[in-house]
Structures are given as C-alpha cells and as structure tokens.
C-alpha cells in the first residue's frame, strides 16, 4: 500500500458531475471522483453498473454527455487482454508511440523493472499470460503517466501469478507515483491493493471505504460484499 505521508497531494484526476448515457439508458449520473498522485483506488460493482464506462471516459476512449473530467491528456491503460502487437519485439511493443533516439534504452529499463530485462528481442508469442501482462505494465509506465487505469488486468491469470502481479504492481506504483484506478470484481484483490475502495451502484459511487488495514480483512470483506448485495451465511463461519 502506498505511504500516504509520502504521497504527492496533487490530483491525478478530478471528475465532477459526470454523466454518460446510451440512448435512453443512463449509465453514469452526476458522478464525482478525485484520485491523488500515488493513490491506489479500486472500483468494485456489479456487471453493468458503469465501471468500465467510467474507466473508458477517463482514458478518453468514450465520450461524455455532461460534467467535467480534469485528467492528463494521455493516461496509461492496461486492459484484461495484454494487446501486444505479435509482429513486434517486446522492446518495440513497450516503446510504441514514443519518440526519441533512446527508445530501446528506455524500453529496456522498463522491462527490467518488471523482471523481463533479458527478453528485449523476444516475441509476444513466447510469453506466458503473466509475462505478457508484465510487458503491458512496462508499456504503460515507461512514459511516467500521472494516471494509470487498470481494467481487470489480472482476471485471466492463475492464482499464484496473480499474487506475484499484485506485489509487482504495488512496487511499481510506489516507485512511479501515478494515481491508479483499478476496476475489478475481486473483493480480496481490492483489499490487498487499495488505499481506498469504492463501490459503484446505479451510475454513482455509492460507498467508500478508506480504513484499509484498520479492521480485520474478514470484516472488511464482509462489509464490501454486503455493499455488493452478497450476504454471507454467518452460521458457516
């Protein structure tokens, strides 16, 4: 978890009264959000509640119908699929869209950070799922973004690889200090990674949990599940 005492209090993104509708279906309605530099925010919610719509709006990939987003022009995004170009080497994938004479060196430094510094000239087809997501993270962070958007990037990974990725992401965020918004359905993942957990419902932020680690994880998990409409059978505990 990011050390709040060391965090830059400058916001990475500020969202005010955001509205997004598809025809007559309103997906986001007067949504407000602020994420500071170095803050790791996790967004939970049932399928269809608007999580991905919000993330795409912050990334500039989707239009909005009202309100305001104050965010960097080019936030970094990591999706569930790694989206690497199969015809390019790993270092060229990482440096995609960058300019300068030192692209290979910068890509090499980013790949070294994610433990793949010896694979610069390798190809995406030779990577495991976890390795491919490491490259996607390197590509996202190589330009030192102020805002990092993560759309369920660990959902397709096996349990052990996911744990390793959690550790890596926390280290990278602490080092680079972007503001982070992670969209996930995994409550346990949220508890492990977040400085702040938000629950989205009916197009707005309906619940916010800040005191991560101050209560037993099981208690926090039960509270979040209840906010998501899942009631645990306490007789089984």
Protein backbone atom coordinates (compact mmCIF):
# COMPACT_ATOMS: atom_id res chain seq x y z
CA UNK A 1 0.00 0.00 0.00
CA UNK A 2 1.26 3.49 -0.80
CA UNK A 3 2.57 5.50 2.13
CA UNK A 4 0.15 8.42 2.47
CA UNK A 5 2.75 10.57 4.24
CA UNK A 6 4.97 10.48 1.15
CA UNK A 7 2.23 10.95 -1.41
CA UNK A 8 2.07 13.97 -3.65
CA UNK A 9 -1.29 15.60 -2.88
CA UNK A 10 -1.66 16.86 -6.46
CA UNK A 11 -4.71 15.20 -8.05
CA UNK A 12 -4.19 12.84 -10.96
CA UNK A 13 -7.82 13.19 -11.98
CA UNK A 14 -10.87 15.13 -10.83
CA UNK A 15 -14.34 14.16 -12.08
CA UNK A 16 -17.28 16.48 -11.49
CA UNK A 17 -20.96 15.63 -12.08
CA UNK A 18 -20.12 13.14 -14.84
CA UNK A 19 -22.99 11.91 -17.00
CA UNK A 20 -22.97 9.26 -19.71
CA UNK A 21 -26.00 7.78 -21.45
CA UNK A 22 -26.55 5.41 -24.35
CA UNK A 23 -29.84 6.46 -25.85
CA UNK A 24 -32.37 6.44 -23.04
CA UNK A 25 -30.19 4.31 -20.76
CA UNK A 26 -28.28 6.47 -18.27
CA UNK A 27 -25.07 4.69 -17.19
CA UNK A 28 -23.34 7.46 -15.20
CA UNK A 29 -25.27 10.22 -13.45
CA UNK A 30 -23.65 13.12 -11.56
CA UNK A 31 -20.64 11.00 -10.63
CA UNK A 32 -17.84 12.70 -8.68
CA UNK A 33 -14.34 11.32 -8.13
CA UNK A 34 -10.88 12.55 -7.15
CA UNK A 35 -7.70 10.47 -7.23
CA UNK A 36 -4.43 11.90 -5.95
CA UNK A 37 -0.92 11.20 -7.25
CA UNK A 38 0.33 7.96 -5.74
CA UNK A 39 -3.13 6.91 -4.53
CA UNK A 40 -4.35 3.42 -5.41
CA UNK A 41 -8.14 3.39 -5.79
CA UNK A 42 -10.09 0.22 -6.55
CA UNK A 43 -13.58 0.31 -8.05
CA UNK A 44 -15.99 -2.55 -7.35
CA UNK A 45 -19.51 -3.07 -8.62
CA UNK A 46 -21.87 -5.50 -10.28
CA UNK A 47 -21.60 -6.07 -14.03
CA UNK A 48 -23.33 -3.29 -15.94
CA UNK A 49 -23.12 -0.69 -13.16
CA UNK A 50 -20.86 1.61 -15.19
CA UNK A 51 -17.33 0.74 -14.01
CA UNK A 52 -15.82 0.20 -17.45
CA UNK A 53 -17.76 3.16 -18.87
CA UNK A 54 -16.13 5.37 -16.25
CA UNK A 55 -12.68 3.97 -16.96
CA UNK A 56 -13.08 4.45 -20.71
CA UNK A 57 -14.23 8.03 -20.15
CA UNK A 58 -11.16 8.75 -18.01
CA UNK A 59 -8.96 7.22 -20.70
CA UNK A 60 -10.52 9.44 -23.37
CA UNK A 61 -11.87 6.38 -25.18
CA UNK A 62 -15.53 7.22 -24.64
CA UNK A 63 -17.47 10.46 -24.92
CA UNK A 64 -19.34 12.01 -22.01
CA UNK A 65 -22.73 13.70 -22.05
CA UNK A 66 -22.25 16.07 -19.17
CA UNK A 67 -19.96 17.10 -16.34
CA UNK A 68 -16.22 17.55 -16.42
CA UNK A 69 -13.07 15.41 -16.34
CA UNK A 70 -9.76 17.05 -15.43
CA UNK A 71 -7.16 14.42 -16.32
CA UNK A 72 -3.87 14.06 -18.21
CA UNK A 73 -4.22 14.04 -21.98
CA UNK A 74 -2.64 10.60 -22.23
CA UNK A 75 -3.34 8.43 -19.20
CA UNK A 76 -1.89 4.93 -19.34
CA UNK A 77 -4.30 1.99 -19.64
CA UNK A 78 -3.78 -1.73 -19.04
CA UNK A 79 -6.64 -3.99 -20.14
CA UNK A 80 -7.54 -7.57 -19.29
CA UNK A 81 -6.03 -8.58 -22.64
CA UNK A 82 -2.40 -7.52 -22.95
CA UNK A 83 -2.94 -6.16 -26.51
CA UNK A 84 0.70 -6.64 -27.53
CA UNK A 85 1.49 -6.46 -31.23
CA UNK A 86 2.53 -10.01 -32.24
CA UNK A 87 4.73 -8.82 -35.11
CA UNK A 88 6.90 -6.56 -32.90
CA UNK A 89 9.60 -7.47 -30.37
CA UNK A 90 8.97 -6.78 -26.70
CA UNK A 91 11.04 -3.61 -26.61
CA UNK A 92 9.24 -2.23 -29.64
CA UNK A 93 5.89 -3.03 -28.00
CA UNK A 94 6.95 -1.14 -24.89
CA UNK A 95 8.18 1.88 -26.85
CA UNK A 96 5.10 2.01 -29.09
CA UNK A 97 4.07 5.61 -29.74
CA UNK A 98 7.20 7.08 -28.13
CA UNK A 99 9.70 9.35 -29.84
CA UNK A 100 13.42 9.88 -29.37
CA UNK A 101 16.77 8.31 -30.10
CA UNK A 102 16.92 6.29 -26.87
CA UNK A 103 13.76 4.22 -27.26
CA UNK A 104 15.49 0.85 -26.85
CA UNK A 105 17.26 2.02 -23.69
CA UNK A 106 14.06 3.36 -22.15
CA UNK A 107 12.16 0.19 -23.08
CA UNK A 108 14.98 -1.91 -21.61
CA UNK A 109 14.78 -0.02 -18.32
CA UNK A 110 11.00 -0.52 -18.17
CA UNK A 111 11.27 -4.23 -18.98
CA UNK A 112 13.96 -4.63 -16.33
CA UNK A 113 11.58 -3.13 -13.77
CA UNK A 114 9.05 -5.88 -14.50
CA UNK A 115 11.65 -8.65 -14.50
CA UNK A 116 11.98 -9.10 -18.27
CA UNK A 117 15.12 -7.14 -18.97
CA UNK A 118 16.69 -10.16 -20.68
CA UNK A 119 13.82 -10.54 -23.17
CA UNK A 120 14.05 -7.31 -25.19
CA UNK A 121 14.22 -9.02 -28.58
CA UNK A 122 11.79 -11.82 -27.75
CA UNK A 123 8.27 -12.05 -29.21
CA UNK A 124 4.85 -11.91 -27.53
CA UNK A 125 4.02 -15.45 -28.68
CA UNK A 126 6.76 -16.80 -26.39
CA UNK A 127 5.31 -15.26 -23.22
CA UNK A 128 3.05 -16.69 -20.56
CA UNK A 129 -0.07 -14.75 -19.62
CA UNK A 130 1.63 -13.23 -16.60
CA UNK A 131 4.71 -12.24 -18.59
CA UNK A 132 2.55 -10.61 -21.26
CA UNK A 133 0.80 -8.53 -18.60
CA UNK A 134 4.21 -7.53 -17.24
CA UNK A 135 5.08 -6.18 -20.67
CA UNK A 136 1.75 -4.35 -20.79
CA UNK A 137 2.59 -2.74 -17.43
CA UNK A 138 6.04 -1.75 -18.69
CA UNK A 139 4.44 -0.16 -21.76
CA UNK A 140 2.02 1.76 -19.54
CA UNK A 141 4.62 3.07 -17.10
CA UNK A 142 7.50 3.84 -19.44
CA UNK A 143 6.12 7.32 -20.13
CA UNK A 144 5.73 8.10 -16.42
CA UNK A 145 1.95 8.70 -16.55
CA UNK A 146 0.18 10.76 -13.92
CA UNK A 147 -2.84 8.46 -14.16
CA UNK A 148 -2.80 4.66 -14.55
CA UNK A 149 -6.07 2.90 -15.42
CA UNK A 150 -6.30 -0.87 -14.90
CA UNK A 151 -9.30 -2.73 -16.35
CA UNK A 152 -9.28 -6.17 -14.68
CA UNK A 153 -5.70 -6.84 -15.83
CA UNK A 154 -5.25 -9.90 -13.59
CA UNK A 155 -8.61 -11.61 -14.18
CA UNK A 156 -7.29 -14.23 -16.62
CA UNK A 157 -4.21 -15.16 -14.56
CA UNK A 158 -3.84 -18.18 -12.30
CA UNK A 159 -3.88 -17.62 -8.54
CA UNK A 160 -0.11 -17.71 -7.94
CA UNK A 161 0.67 -15.46 -10.91
CA UNK A 162 -1.98 -13.03 -9.72
CA UNK A 163 -0.35 -12.80 -6.28
CA UNK A 164 3.02 -12.08 -7.90
CA UNK A 165 1.43 -9.42 -10.10
CA UNK A 166 -0.17 -7.76 -7.07
CA UNK A 167 3.25 -7.45 -5.43
CA UNK A 168 4.81 -6.10 -8.62
CA UNK A 169 2.07 -3.52 -9.22
CA UNK A 170 2.29 -2.19 -5.66
CA UNK A 171 6.06 -1.81 -6.02
CA UNK A 172 5.75 -0.04 -9.38
CA UNK A 173 3.06 2.35 -8.15
CA UNK A 174 5.13 3.22 -5.06
CA UNK A 175 8.11 3.94 -7.34
CA UNK A 176 6.39 5.90 -10.11
CA UNK A 177 3.60 7.52 -8.07
CA UNK A 178 0.77 7.65 -10.62
CA UNK A 179 -2.77 7.91 -9.41
CA UNK A 180 -4.35 4.50 -10.03
CA UNK A 181 -7.90 3.36 -10.73
CA UNK A 182 -8.31 -0.42 -10.83
CA UNK A 183 -11.62 -1.88 -11.98
CA UNK A 184 -12.18 -5.40 -10.65
CA UNK A 185 -14.84 -7.83 -9.44
CA UNK A 186 -12.43 -9.36 -6.90
CA UNK A 187 -13.06 -8.08 -3.37
CA UNK A 188 -9.95 -9.77 -1.97
CA UNK A 189 -7.83 -8.17 -4.70
CA UNK A 190 -9.27 -4.79 -3.75
CA UNK A 191 -8.37 -5.27 -0.08
CA UNK A 192 -4.80 -6.29 -0.93
CA UNK A 193 -4.08 -3.42 -3.32
CA UNK A 194 -6.18 -0.40 -2.42
CA UNK A 195 -5.62 2.75 -0.42
CA UNK A 196 -9.31 3.40 -0.99
CA UNK A 197 -12.12 1.13 -2.20
CA UNK A 198 -15.21 2.46 -3.98
CA UNK A 199 -18.41 0.56 -4.68
CA UNK A 200 -20.37 1.71 -7.72
CA UNK A 201 -24.12 1.31 -7.95
CA UNK A 202 -26.63 2.76 -10.42
CA UNK A 203 -24.08 5.01 -12.07
CA UNK A 204 -22.70 6.69 -8.94
CA UNK A 205 -20.17 5.99 -6.20
CA UNK A 206 -22.49 4.53 -3.56
CA UNK A 207 -19.95 3.51 -0.91
CA UNK A 208 -16.38 4.42 0.01
CA UNK A 209 -14.02 2.50 2.29
CA UNK A 210 -10.81 4.26 3.36
CA UNK A 211 -9.67 2.48 6.52
CA UNK A 212 -7.84 -0.32 4.72
CA UNK A 213 -5.95 -2.49 7.20
CA UNK A 214 -7.51 -0.90 10.28
CA UNK A 215 -10.11 -3.65 10.61
CA UNK A 216 -9.68 -7.41 10.17
CA UNK A 217 -9.67 -8.37 6.49
CA UNK A 218 -12.62 -10.71 7.03
CA UNK A 219 -14.69 -7.85 8.46
CA UNK A 220 -13.78 -5.53 5.58
CA UNK A 221 -14.56 -8.28 3.08
CA UNK A 222 -17.99 -8.92 4.62
CA UNK A 223 -18.82 -5.20 4.56
CA UNK A 224 -17.82 -4.84 0.92
CA UNK A 225 -19.72 -7.97 -0.10
CA UNK A 226 -22.79 -6.63 1.68
CA UNK A 227 -22.49 -3.38 -0.30
CA UNK A 228 -22.35 -5.54 -3.44
CA UNK A 229 -25.52 -7.39 -2.42
CA UNK A 230 -23.85 -10.56 -1.17
CA UNK A 231 -24.83 -11.59 2.36
CA UNK A 232 -22.61 -14.22 3.96
CA UNK A 233 -24.11 -17.04 5.99
CA UNK A 234 -22.55 -16.34 9.38
CA UNK A 235 -23.61 -19.79 10.62
CA UNK A 236 -20.97 -21.26 8.32
CA UNK A 237 -18.20 -19.14 9.87
